[in-house]
């Protein structure tokens, strides 16, 4: 088990708030088209340190053709309580779990909704983007439908009070791709015909790899961004008070797979970072981080 998402929600059984953990759990698949399959159980904790199994079997289960071979990978949590997702039948969900649906060849962003009042009240809605949209702006030319790793933040605009939804997603290296950004007034979409999803942006990445730094071989968005007050120098330079901090993964052998960050304008995140860390704030140093299924990984 690895790569977990975490959130705080109510346990309807005893009415208490608990910390829930959604780890990626892998099992071997001898003779299958893909050697390992991932699904995600739901774990719970009263103190955030000691967890027990909460769901009966996988909470995030591989059920669709585009995820049966490789499974449901690397869940990422988003809080939708400012503006919940309302499905076509009127059912309301105030939390989202984006994940990578993997068919053994192509990674695709998919989403399952749930409720903070009852985490077992869930609904998988499928792929966030249509393949045909993604292929118009491919991040991976050799696999043009490839897209993964969505970090989403819902926030209230400090100036207007309107709710905004910002998304960072994708990955890249020195040869192609990167992290894309988009902002919407509604979280995802739910159309009368039952279709679902966002339109993949036909824009350039806002973050790409940098030669000689910790993110030379990989940039990939991590957990949900944070809205923060800008430092005095950034506020003076931009004329803005607030920004978005995005944590993202970087990889450069032999240093390993680590985590850095970038600060974006809250008003114009599509314009690229105002500041970007030259090194990681988390990097693999312990033995358990340096020798595992993949070595040197945070």
C-alpha atoms as a PDB file:
ATOM      1  CA  UNK A   1       0.000   0.000   0.000  1.00  0.00           C
ATOM      2  CA  UNK A   2       1.287   3.455  -0.926  1.00  0.00           C
ATOM      3  CA  UNK A   3       0.383   6.884  -2.418  1.00  0.00           C
ATOM      4  CA  UNK A   4      -2.587   7.641  -0.126  1.00  0.00           C
ATOM      5  CA  UNK A   5      -5.084  10.484  -0.095  1.00  0.00           C
ATOM      6  CA  UNK A   6      -6.432  11.688   3.267  1.00  0.00           C
ATOM      7  CA  UNK A   7      -9.464  13.677   4.425  1.00  0.00           C
ATOM      8  CA  UNK A   8     -11.501  14.396   7.563  1.00  0.00           C
ATOM      9  CA  UNK A   9     -15.170  13.394   7.591  1.00  0.00           C
ATOM     10  CA  UNK A  10     -17.986  12.203   9.839  1.00  0.00           C
ATOM     11  CA  UNK A  11     -18.380   8.550  10.740  1.00  0.00           C
ATOM     12  CA  UNK A  12     -22.176   8.029  10.640  1.00  0.00           C
ATOM     13  CA  UNK A  13     -21.851   4.941  12.831  1.00  0.00           C
ATOM     14  CA  UNK A  14     -20.762   6.809  15.974  1.00  0.00           C
ATOM     15  CA  UNK A  15     -21.275  10.424  14.845  1.00  0.00           C
ATOM     16  CA  UNK A  16     -17.611  11.348  15.377  1.00  0.00           C
ATOM     17  CA  UNK A  17     -15.158  13.089  13.058  1.00  0.00           C
ATOM     18  CA  UNK A  18     -12.364  10.835  11.882  1.00  0.00           C
ATOM     19  CA  UNK A  19      -9.355  10.895   9.614  1.00  0.00           C
ATOM     20  CA  UNK A  20      -9.860   8.718   6.552  1.00  0.00           C
ATOM     21  CA  UNK A  21      -7.038   7.340   4.435  1.00  0.00           C
ATOM     22  CA  UNK A  22      -7.333   6.082   0.843  1.00  0.00           C
ATOM     23  CA  UNK A  23      -4.152   4.151  -0.015  1.00  0.00           C
ATOM     24  CA  UNK A  24      -3.358   2.556  -3.330  1.00  0.00           C
ATOM     25  CA  UNK A  25      -3.256  -1.183  -2.655  1.00  0.00           C
ATOM     26  CA  UNK A  26      -1.659  -3.468  -5.251  1.00  0.00           C
ATOM     27  CA  UNK A  27      -2.011  -7.175  -5.848  1.00  0.00           C
ATOM     28  CA  UNK A  28      -0.168  -9.449  -8.272  1.00  0.00           C
ATOM     29  CA  UNK A  29      -2.001 -10.662 -11.366  1.00  0.00           C
ATOM     30  CA  UNK A  30      -0.106 -13.676 -12.738  1.00  0.00           C
ATOM     31  CA  UNK A  31      -0.889 -14.262 -16.389  1.00  0.00           C
ATOM     32  CA  UNK A  32      -2.781 -10.977 -16.790  1.00  0.00           C
ATOM     33  CA  UNK A  33      -2.147  -8.360 -19.473  1.00  0.00           C
ATOM     34  CA  UNK A  34      -0.758  -6.136 -16.682  1.00  0.00           C
ATOM     35  CA  UNK A  35       1.319  -7.603 -13.883  1.00  0.00           C
ATOM     36  CA  UNK A  36      -0.270  -5.691 -10.973  1.00  0.00           C
ATOM     37  CA  UNK A  37      -3.724  -4.331 -10.236  1.00  0.00           C
ATOM     38  CA  UNK A  38      -4.466  -1.402  -7.914  1.00  0.00           C
ATOM     39  CA  UNK A  39      -7.603  -0.701  -5.906  1.00  0.00           C
ATOM     40  CA  UNK A  40      -8.147   1.461  -2.810  1.00  0.00           C
ATOM     41  CA  UNK A  41      -9.581   0.470   0.575  1.00  0.00           C
ATOM     42  CA  UNK A  42     -10.920   3.092   2.982  1.00  0.00           C
ATOM     43  CA  UNK A  43      -9.143   3.236   6.342  1.00  0.00           C
ATOM     44  CA  UNK A  44     -10.239   5.268   9.384  1.00  0.00           C
ATOM     45  CA  UNK A  45      -8.556   6.663  12.483  1.00  0.00           C
ATOM     46  CA  UNK A  46      -9.623   8.469  15.646  1.00  0.00           C
ATOM     47  CA  UNK A  47      -6.212  10.086  16.139  1.00  0.00           C
ATOM     48  CA  UNK A  48      -4.736  10.289  12.637  1.00  0.00           C
ATOM     49  CA  UNK A  49      -1.980   7.786  13.470  1.00  0.00           C
ATOM     50  CA  UNK A  50      -3.563   4.401  14.097  1.00  0.00           C
ATOM     51  CA  UNK A  51      -5.812   3.205  11.255  1.00  0.00           C
ATOM     52  CA  UNK A  52      -8.237   0.351  10.823  1.00  0.00           C
ATOM     53  CA  UNK A  53     -10.109  -0.915   7.772  1.00  0.00           C
ATOM     54  CA  UNK A  54     -13.406   0.946   7.398  1.00  0.00           C
ATOM     55  CA  UNK A  55     -14.744  -0.266   4.046  1.00  0.00           C
ATOM     56  CA  UNK A  56     -15.761  -3.814   3.275  1.00  0.00           C
ATOM     57  CA  UNK A  57     -13.378  -4.532   0.423  1.00  0.00           C
ATOM     58  CA  UNK A  58     -12.095  -1.803  -1.898  1.00  0.00           C
ATOM     59  CA  UNK A  59     -13.714   1.627  -1.490  1.00  0.00           C
ATOM     60  CA  UNK A  60     -12.431   2.687  -4.902  1.00  0.00           C
ATOM     61  CA  UNK A  61     -12.843  -0.431  -7.026  1.00  0.00           C
ATOM     62  CA  UNK A  62     -11.807  -1.093 -10.637  1.00  0.00           C
ATOM     63  CA  UNK A  63     -15.082  -1.613 -12.512  1.00  0.00           C
ATOM     64  CA  UNK A  64     -14.753   0.048 -15.929  1.00  0.00           C
ATOM     65  CA  UNK A  65     -13.084  -1.307 -19.100  1.00  0.00           C
ATOM     66  CA  UNK A  66     -10.467   1.462 -19.037  1.00  0.00           C
ATOM     67  CA  UNK A  67      -9.322   0.461 -15.521  1.00  0.00           C
ATOM     68  CA  UNK A  68      -9.815  -3.286 -15.276  1.00  0.00           C
ATOM     69  CA  UNK A  69      -6.249  -4.243 -16.227  1.00  0.00           C
ATOM     70  CA  UNK A  70      -4.242  -1.796 -14.100  1.00  0.00           C
ATOM     71  CA  UNK A  71      -6.878  -0.594 -11.661  1.00  0.00           C
ATOM     72  CA  UNK A  72      -7.534   2.618  -9.743  1.00  0.00           C
ATOM     73  CA  UNK A  73      -4.313   4.390  -8.801  1.00  0.00           C
ATOM     74  CA  UNK A  74      -3.104   7.324  -6.687  1.00  0.00           C
ATOM     75  CA  UNK A  75      -6.301   8.925  -5.343  1.00  0.00           C
ATOM     76  CA  UNK A  76      -6.324  12.718  -4.875  1.00  0.00           C
ATOM     77  CA  UNK A  77      -8.874  14.418  -2.623  1.00  0.00           C
ATOM     78  CA  UNK A  78     -10.873  17.608  -3.266  1.00  0.00           C
ATOM     79  CA  UNK A  79     -13.251  19.362  -0.854  1.00  0.00           C
ATOM     80  CA  UNK A  80     -16.421  20.519  -2.658  1.00  0.00           C
ATOM     81  CA  UNK A  81     -18.366  21.806   0.340  1.00  0.00           C
ATOM     82  CA  UNK A  82     -18.405  25.410  -0.930  1.00  0.00           C
ATOM     83  CA  UNK A  83     -20.135  24.268  -4.124  1.00  0.00           C
ATOM     84  CA  UNK A  84     -21.138  20.591  -4.176  1.00  0.00           C
ATOM     85  CA  UNK A  85     -21.467  18.467  -7.285  1.00  0.00           C
ATOM     86  CA  UNK A  86     -25.118  17.784  -8.140  1.00  0.00           C
ATOM     87  CA  UNK A  87     -25.681  14.760 -10.357  1.00  0.00           C
ATOM     88  CA  UNK A  88     -28.396  14.515 -13.013  1.00  0.00           C
ATOM     89  CA  UNK A  89     -30.751  12.753 -10.585  1.00  0.00           C
ATOM     90  CA  UNK A  90     -30.344  15.525  -7.992  1.00  0.00           C
ATOM     91  CA  UNK A  91     -28.045  13.585  -5.653  1.00  0.00           C
ATOM     92  CA  UNK A  92     -25.571  15.937  -3.995  1.00  0.00           C
ATOM     93  CA  UNK A  93     -21.908  15.126  -3.268  1.00  0.00           C
ATOM     94  CA  UNK A  94     -19.585  17.437  -1.332  1.00  0.00           C
ATOM     95  CA  UNK A  95     -16.292  15.590  -1.845  1.00  0.00           C
ATOM     96  CA  UNK A  96     -14.388  14.244  -4.837  1.00  0.00           C
ATOM     97  CA  UNK A  97     -11.658  11.661  -5.231  1.00  0.00           C
ATOM     98  CA  UNK A  98      -9.778  11.989  -8.497  1.00  0.00           C
ATOM     99  CA  UNK A  99      -7.672   8.989  -9.455  1.00  0.00           C
ATOM    100  CA  UNK A 100      -5.730   7.454 -12.318  1.00  0.00           C
ATOM    101  CA  UNK A 101      -7.680   4.821 -14.231  1.00  0.00           C
ATOM    102  CA  UNK A 102      -5.125   2.557 -15.902  1.00  0.00           C
ATOM    103  CA  UNK A 103      -5.830  -0.035 -18.581  1.00  0.00           C
ATOM    104  CA  UNK A 104      -2.247  -1.298 -18.822  1.00  0.00           C
ATOM    105  CA  UNK A 105      -1.364   1.136 -21.601  1.00  0.00           C
ATOM    106  CA  UNK A 106      -2.982   4.540 -21.043  1.00  0.00           C
ATOM    107  CA  UNK A 107      -3.512   6.515 -17.826  1.00  0.00           C
ATOM    108  CA  UNK A 108      -6.670   8.608 -17.621  1.00  0.00           C
ATOM    109  CA  UNK A 109      -8.064  10.906 -14.920  1.00  0.00           C
ATOM    110  CA  UNK A 110     -11.295   9.584 -13.464  1.00  0.00           C
ATOM    111  CA  UNK A 111     -13.399  10.671 -10.478  1.00  0.00           C
ATOM    112  CA  UNK A 112     -15.542   9.227  -7.703  1.00  0.00           C
ATOM    113  CA  UNK A 113     -17.747  11.487  -5.580  1.00  0.00           C
ATOM    114  CA  UNK A 114     -18.611  10.965  -1.910  1.00  0.00           C
ATOM    115  CA  UNK A 115     -20.089  12.815   1.064  1.00  0.00           C
ATOM    116  CA  UNK A 116     -18.300  14.060   4.182  1.00  0.00           C
ATOM    117  CA  UNK A 117     -21.353  13.126   6.262  1.00  0.00           C
ATOM    118  CA  UNK A 118     -21.110   9.521   5.075  1.00  0.00           C
ATOM    119  CA  UNK A 119     -17.953   8.480   3.174  1.00  0.00           C
ATOM    120  CA  UNK A 120     -19.662   5.265   2.076  1.00  0.00           C
ATOM    121  CA  UNK A 121     -22.164   7.317   0.052  1.00  0.00           C
ATOM    122  CA  UNK A 122     -20.184   7.246  -3.193  1.00  0.00           C
ATOM    123  CA  UNK A 123     -20.714   7.418  -6.925  1.00  0.00           C
ATOM    124  CA  UNK A 124     -18.143   6.815  -9.648  1.00  0.00           C
ATOM    125  CA  UNK A 125     -18.769   9.126 -12.580  1.00  0.00           C
ATOM    126  CA  UNK A 126     -16.047   8.008 -14.924  1.00  0.00           C
ATOM    127  CA  UNK A 127     -13.466   9.795 -17.025  1.00  0.00           C
ATOM    128  CA  UNK A 128     -13.038  13.523 -16.468  1.00  0.00           C
ATOM    129  CA  UNK A 129     -11.900  14.134 -20.072  1.00  0.00           C
ATOM    130  CA  UNK A 130     -12.855  12.583 -23.391  1.00  0.00           C
ATOM    131  CA  UNK A 131     -10.004  10.913 -25.271  1.00  0.00           C
ATOM    132  CA  UNK A 132     -10.885  12.942 -28.362  1.00  0.00           C
ATOM    133  CA  UNK A 133     -10.360  16.197 -26.423  1.00  0.00           C
ATOM    134  CA  UNK A 134      -7.091  15.073 -24.842  1.00  0.00           C
ATOM    135  CA  UNK A 135      -5.660  13.988 -28.178  1.00  0.00           C
ATOM    136  CA  UNK A 136      -6.028  17.520 -29.563  1.00  0.00           C
ATOM    137  CA  UNK A 137      -3.375  18.677 -27.078  1.00  0.00           C
ATOM    138  CA  UNK A 138      -1.337  15.551 -26.234  1.00  0.00           C
ATOM    139  CA  UNK A 139       1.081  15.710 -23.303  1.00  0.00           C
ATOM    140  CA  UNK A 140       2.562  12.357 -24.340  1.00  0.00           C
ATOM    141  CA  UNK A 141       2.873  12.241 -28.155  1.00  0.00           C
ATOM    142  CA  UNK A 142       3.485   8.482 -28.210  1.00  0.00           C
ATOM    143  CA  UNK A 143       0.353   7.913 -26.131  1.00  0.00           C
ATOM    144  CA  UNK A 144      -1.866  10.922 -26.949  1.00  0.00           C
ATOM    145  CA  UNK A 145      -4.825  10.037 -24.703  1.00  0.00           C
ATOM    146  CA  UNK A 146      -2.550   9.885 -21.609  1.00  0.00           C
ATOM    147  CA  UNK A 147      -3.540  12.234 -18.744  1.00  0.00           C
ATOM    148  CA  UNK A 148      -3.278  11.806 -14.971  1.00  0.00           C
ATOM    149  CA  UNK A 149      -2.713  13.361 -11.532  1.00  0.00           C
ATOM    150  CA  UNK A 150      -5.408  15.997 -11.015  1.00  0.00           C
ATOM    151  CA  UNK A 151      -4.959  18.338  -8.037  1.00  0.00           C
ATOM    152  CA  UNK A 152      -8.098  20.431  -7.504  1.00  0.00           C
ATOM    153  CA  UNK A 153      -8.970  23.295  -5.158  1.00  0.00           C
ATOM    154  CA  UNK A 154     -12.342  24.925  -4.591  1.00  0.00           C
ATOM    155  CA  UNK A 155     -12.154  28.383  -3.027  1.00  0.00           C
ATOM    156  CA  UNK A 156     -14.066  31.628  -2.601  1.00  0.00           C
ATOM    157  CA  UNK A 157     -12.645  34.575  -4.510  1.00  0.00           C
ATOM    158  CA  UNK A 158     -11.457  37.132  -1.896  1.00  0.00           C
ATOM    159  CA  UNK A 159     -12.579  40.046  -4.111  1.00  0.00           C
ATOM    160  CA  UNK A 160     -15.952  38.923  -5.449  1.00  0.00           C
ATOM    161  CA  UNK A 161     -16.990  36.140  -3.083  1.00  0.00           C
ATOM    162  CA  UNK A 162     -17.709  33.881  -6.071  1.00  0.00           C
ATOM    163  CA  UNK A 163     -16.749  30.215  -5.808  1.00  0.00           C
ATOM    164  CA  UNK A 164     -13.992  29.118  -8.181  1.00  0.00           C
ATOM    165  CA  UNK A 165     -12.592  25.688  -8.998  1.00  0.00           C
ATOM    166  CA  UNK A 166      -8.963  25.430 -10.058  1.00  0.00           C
ATOM    167  CA  UNK A 167      -7.377  22.261 -11.461  1.00  0.00           C
ATOM    168  CA  UNK A 168      -3.728  21.360 -12.033  1.00  0.00           C
ATOM    169  CA  UNK A 169      -3.070  18.075 -13.821  1.00  0.00           C
ATOM    170  CA  UNK A 170      -0.737  16.186 -16.100  1.00  0.00           C
ATOM    171  CA  UNK A 171       2.922  15.278 -16.117  1.00  0.00           C
ATOM    172  CA  UNK A 172       5.942  15.870 -18.281  1.00  0.00           C
ATOM    173  CA  UNK A 173       9.693  15.605 -18.736  1.00  0.00           C
ATOM    174  CA  UNK A 174      12.393  17.405 -20.701  1.00  0.00           C
ATOM    175  CA  UNK A 175      11.086  15.979 -23.975  1.00  0.00           C
ATOM    176  CA  UNK A 176       7.355  16.644 -23.752  1.00  0.00           C
ATOM    177  CA  UNK A 177       4.348  17.504 -21.604  1.00  0.00           C
ATOM    178  CA  UNK A 178       4.024  19.214 -18.267  1.00  0.00           C
ATOM    179  CA  UNK A 179       1.359  20.376 -15.805  1.00  0.00           C
ATOM    180  CA  UNK A 180      -1.731  22.100 -17.226  1.00  0.00           C
ATOM    181  CA  UNK A 181      -4.079  24.485 -15.406  1.00  0.00           C
ATOM    182  CA  UNK A 182      -7.737  25.359 -15.825  1.00  0.00           C
ATOM    183  CA  UNK A 183     -10.354  27.243 -13.783  1.00  0.00           C
ATOM    184  CA  UNK A 184     -14.145  26.805 -13.843  1.00  0.00           C
ATOM    185  CA  UNK A 185     -17.170  28.367 -12.151  1.00  0.00           C
ATOM    186  CA  UNK A 186     -18.747  24.959 -11.501  1.00  0.00           C
ATOM    187  CA  UNK A 187     -17.086  21.753 -10.205  1.00  0.00           C
ATOM    188  CA  UNK A 188     -17.034  19.298 -13.108  1.00  0.00           C
ATOM    189  CA  UNK A 189     -20.349  19.116 -14.967  1.00  0.00           C
ATOM    190  CA  UNK A 190     -23.545  17.116 -15.053  1.00  0.00           C
ATOM    191  CA  UNK A 191     -25.528  17.320 -18.281  1.00  0.00           C
ATOM    192  CA  UNK A 192     -29.145  16.341 -18.951  1.00  0.00           C
ATOM    193  CA  UNK A 193     -28.052  13.594 -21.351  1.00  0.00           C
ATOM    194  CA  UNK A 194     -26.061  11.920 -18.571  1.00  0.00           C
ATOM    195  CA  UNK A 195     -22.650  12.766 -20.045  1.00  0.00           C
ATOM    196  CA  UNK A 196     -19.986  14.028 -17.689  1.00  0.00           C
ATOM    197  CA  UNK A 197     -16.646  15.763 -17.712  1.00  0.00           C
ATOM    198  CA  UNK A 198     -14.599  18.854 -18.408  1.00  0.00           C
ATOM    199  CA  UNK A 199     -13.170  20.000 -21.726  1.00  0.00           C
ATOM    200  CA  UNK A 200      -9.437  19.343 -21.908  1.00  0.00           C
ATOM    201  CA  UNK A 201      -7.701  22.723 -22.322  1.00  0.00           C
ATOM    202  CA  UNK A 202      -5.866  23.451 -25.555  1.00  0.00           C
ATOM    203  CA  UNK A 203      -3.173  25.460 -23.774  1.00  0.00           C
ATOM    204  CA  UNK A 204       0.507  25.084 -22.994  1.00  0.00           C
ATOM    205  CA  UNK A 205       1.625  23.650 -19.627  1.00  0.00           C
ATOM    206  CA  UNK A 206       2.165  26.118 -16.776  1.00  0.00           C
ATOM    207  CA  UNK A 207       4.971  23.934 -15.338  1.00  0.00           C
ATOM    208  CA  UNK A 208       7.595  22.021 -17.306  1.00  0.00           C
ATOM    209  CA  UNK A 209      10.821  20.242 -16.399  1.00  0.00           C
ATOM    210  CA  UNK A 210      14.025  22.196 -15.787  1.00  0.00           C
ATOM    211  CA  UNK A 211      17.500  20.935 -16.762  1.00  0.00           C
ATOM    212  CA  UNK A 212      19.859  20.323 -13.848  1.00  0.00           C
ATOM    213  CA  UNK A 213      17.267  20.704 -11.073  1.00  0.00           C
ATOM    214  CA  UNK A 214      15.297  18.223  -8.952  1.00  0.00           C
ATOM    215  CA  UNK A 215      12.461  18.158 -11.513  1.00  0.00           C
ATOM    216  CA  UNK A 216      14.510  17.509 -14.657  1.00  0.00           C
ATOM    217  CA  UNK A 217      13.044  14.081 -15.439  1.00  0.00           C
ATOM    218  CA  UNK A 218       9.478  14.616 -14.157  1.00  0.00           C
ATOM    219  CA  UNK A 219       6.910  17.199 -13.123  1.00  0.00           C
ATOM    220  CA  UNK A 220       3.585  15.872 -11.811  1.00  0.00           C
ATOM    221  CA  UNK A 221       0.946  17.661  -9.730  1.00  0.00           C
ATOM    222  CA  UNK A 222       0.457  16.402  -6.169  1.00  0.00           C
ATOM    223  CA  UNK A 223      -2.283  17.119  -3.573  1.00  0.00           C
ATOM    224  CA  UNK A 224      -4.881  19.921  -3.659  1.00  0.00           C
ATOM    225  CA  UNK A 225      -3.371  23.440  -3.862  1.00  0.00           C
ATOM    226  CA  UNK A 226      -3.574  25.869  -0.952  1.00  0.00           C
ATOM    227  CA  UNK A 227      -4.822  29.474  -1.069  1.00  0.00           C
ATOM    228  CA  UNK A 228      -2.317  31.645   0.810  1.00  0.00           C
ATOM    229  CA  UNK A 229      -1.516  35.289   1.439  1.00  0.00           C
ATOM    230  CA  UNK A 230       1.389  36.317  -0.755  1.00  0.00           C
ATOM    231  CA  UNK A 231       4.675  37.463   0.709  1.00  0.00           C
ATOM    232  CA  UNK A 232       5.279  41.196   0.804  1.00  0.00           C
ATOM    233  CA  UNK A 233       7.660  41.075  -2.166  1.00  0.00           C
ATOM    234  CA  UNK A 234       5.299  39.016  -4.352  1.00  0.00           C
ATOM    235  CA  UNK A 235       2.324  41.190  -3.379  1.00  0.00           C
ATOM    236  CA  UNK A 236       4.252  44.326  -4.328  1.00  0.00           C
ATOM    237  CA  UNK A 237       5.362  42.848  -7.648  1.00  0.00           C
ATOM    238  CA  UNK A 238       1.912  41.550  -8.648  1.00  0.00           C
ATOM    239  CA  UNK A 239      -0.487  43.959  -6.957  1.00  0.00           C
ATOM    240  CA  UNK A 240      -2.337  40.924  -5.564  1.00  0.00           C
ATOM    241  CA  UNK A 241      -2.827  39.782  -1.976  1.00  0.00           C
ATOM    242  CA  UNK A 242      -3.417  36.055  -2.463  1.00  0.00           C
ATOM    243  CA  UNK A 243      -1.931  33.193  -4.406  1.00  0.00           C
ATOM    244  CA  UNK A 244      -2.090  29.434  -4.927  1.00  0.00           C
ATOM    245  CA  UNK A 245       0.625  27.079  -3.742  1.00  0.00           C
ATOM    246  CA  UNK A 246       0.873  23.879  -5.755  1.00  0.00           C
ATOM    247  CA  UNK A 247       3.003  21.007  -4.492  1.00  0.00           C
ATOM    248  CA  UNK A 248       4.363  18.859  -7.276  1.00  0.00           C
ATOM    249  CA  UNK A 249       6.584  15.836  -7.757  1.00  0.00           C
ATOM    250  CA  UNK A 250       9.973  16.049  -9.400  1.00  0.00           C
ATOM    251  CA  UNK A 251      12.419  13.337 -10.371  1.00  0.00           C
ATOM    252  CA  UNK A 252      16.054  13.491 -11.438  1.00  0.00           C
ATOM    253  CA  UNK A 253      18.233  10.387 -11.181  1.00  0.00           C
ATOM    254  CA  UNK A 254      20.181   9.693  -9.064  1.00  0.00           C
ATOM    255  CA  UNK A 255      18.607  12.124  -6.569  1.00  0.00           C
ATOM    256  CA  UNK A 256      15.236  10.431  -6.641  1.00  0.00           C
ATOM    257  CA  UNK A 257      11.571  11.324  -6.645  1.00  0.00           C
ATOM    258  CA  UNK A 258      10.867  14.308  -4.374  1.00  0.00           C
ATOM    259  CA  UNK A 259       8.396  17.155  -3.765  1.00  0.00           C
ATOM    260  CA  UNK A 260       8.749  20.860  -4.514  1.00  0.00           C
ATOM    261  CA  UNK A 261       6.284  23.704  -4.938  1.00  0.00           C
ATOM    262  CA  UNK A 262       5.240  26.613  -7.152  1.00  0.00           C
ATOM    263  CA  UNK A 263       3.268  29.766  -6.272  1.00  0.00           C
ATOM    264  CA  UNK A 264       0.658  31.009  -8.757  1.00  0.00           C
ATOM    265  CA  UNK A 265      -1.445  34.137  -9.004  1.00  0.00           C
ATOM    266  CA  UNK A 266      -4.930  33.517  -7.635  1.00  0.00           C
ATOM    267  CA  UNK A 267      -6.394  35.827 -10.270  1.00  0.00           C
ATOM    268  CA  UNK A 268      -4.400  34.507 -13.236  1.00  0.00           C
ATOM    269  CA  UNK A 269      -2.944  31.055 -12.482  1.00  0.00           C
ATOM    270  CA  UNK A 270      -2.859  30.314 -16.217  1.00  0.00           C
ATOM    271  CA  UNK A 271      -0.021  32.838 -16.618  1.00  0.00           C
ATOM    272  CA  UNK A 272       2.506  30.531 -14.926  1.00  0.00           C
ATOM    273  CA  UNK A 273       4.251  30.536 -11.550  1.00  0.00           C
ATOM    274  CA  UNK A 274       5.193  33.701  -9.696  1.00  0.00           C
ATOM    275  CA  UNK A 275       7.811  31.695  -7.840  1.00  0.00           C
ATOM    276  CA  UNK A 276       9.091  28.131  -8.044  1.00  0.00           C
ATOM    277  CA  UNK A 277      11.298  26.271  -5.602  1.00  0.00           C
ATOM    278  CA  UNK A 278      14.734  25.427  -6.943  1.00  0.00           C
ATOM    279  CA  UNK A 279      14.925  22.363  -4.704  1.00  0.00           C
ATOM    280  CA  UNK A 280      12.495  19.980  -2.996  1.00  0.00           C
ATOM    281  CA  UNK A 281      11.034  20.427   0.471  1.00  0.00           C
ATOM    282  CA  UNK A 282      10.712  16.646   0.835  1.00  0.00           C
ATOM    283  CA  UNK A 283      13.258  14.184  -0.508  1.00  0.00           C
ATOM    284  CA  UNK A 284      14.063  10.505   0.120  1.00  0.00           C
ATOM    285  CA  UNK A 285      16.668  10.084   2.864  1.00  0.00           C
ATOM    286  CA  UNK A 286      15.434   7.172   5.006  1.00  0.00           C
ATOM    287  CA  UNK A 287      16.119   3.525   4.205  1.00  0.00           C
ATOM    288  CA  UNK A 288      12.394   2.806   3.785  1.00  0.00           C
ATOM    289  CA  UNK A 289      12.280   5.585   1.160  1.00  0.00           C
ATOM    290  CA  UNK A 290      15.413   4.479  -0.674  1.00  0.00           C
ATOM    291  CA  UNK A 291      14.656   0.776  -1.082  1.00  0.00           C
ATOM    292  CA  UNK A 292      11.120  -0.281  -1.970  1.00  0.00           C
ATOM    293  CA  UNK A 293       9.032  -1.214  -4.997  1.00  0.00           C
ATOM    294  CA  UNK A 294      10.573   1.879  -6.616  1.00  0.00           C
ATOM    295  CA  UNK A 295      13.775   3.131  -5.020  1.00  0.00           C
ATOM    296  CA  UNK A 296      14.366   6.705  -3.857  1.00  0.00           C
ATOM    297  CA  UNK A 297      10.760   7.878  -3.765  1.00  0.00           C
ATOM    298  CA  UNK A 298       8.813  10.412  -1.704  1.00  0.00           C
END
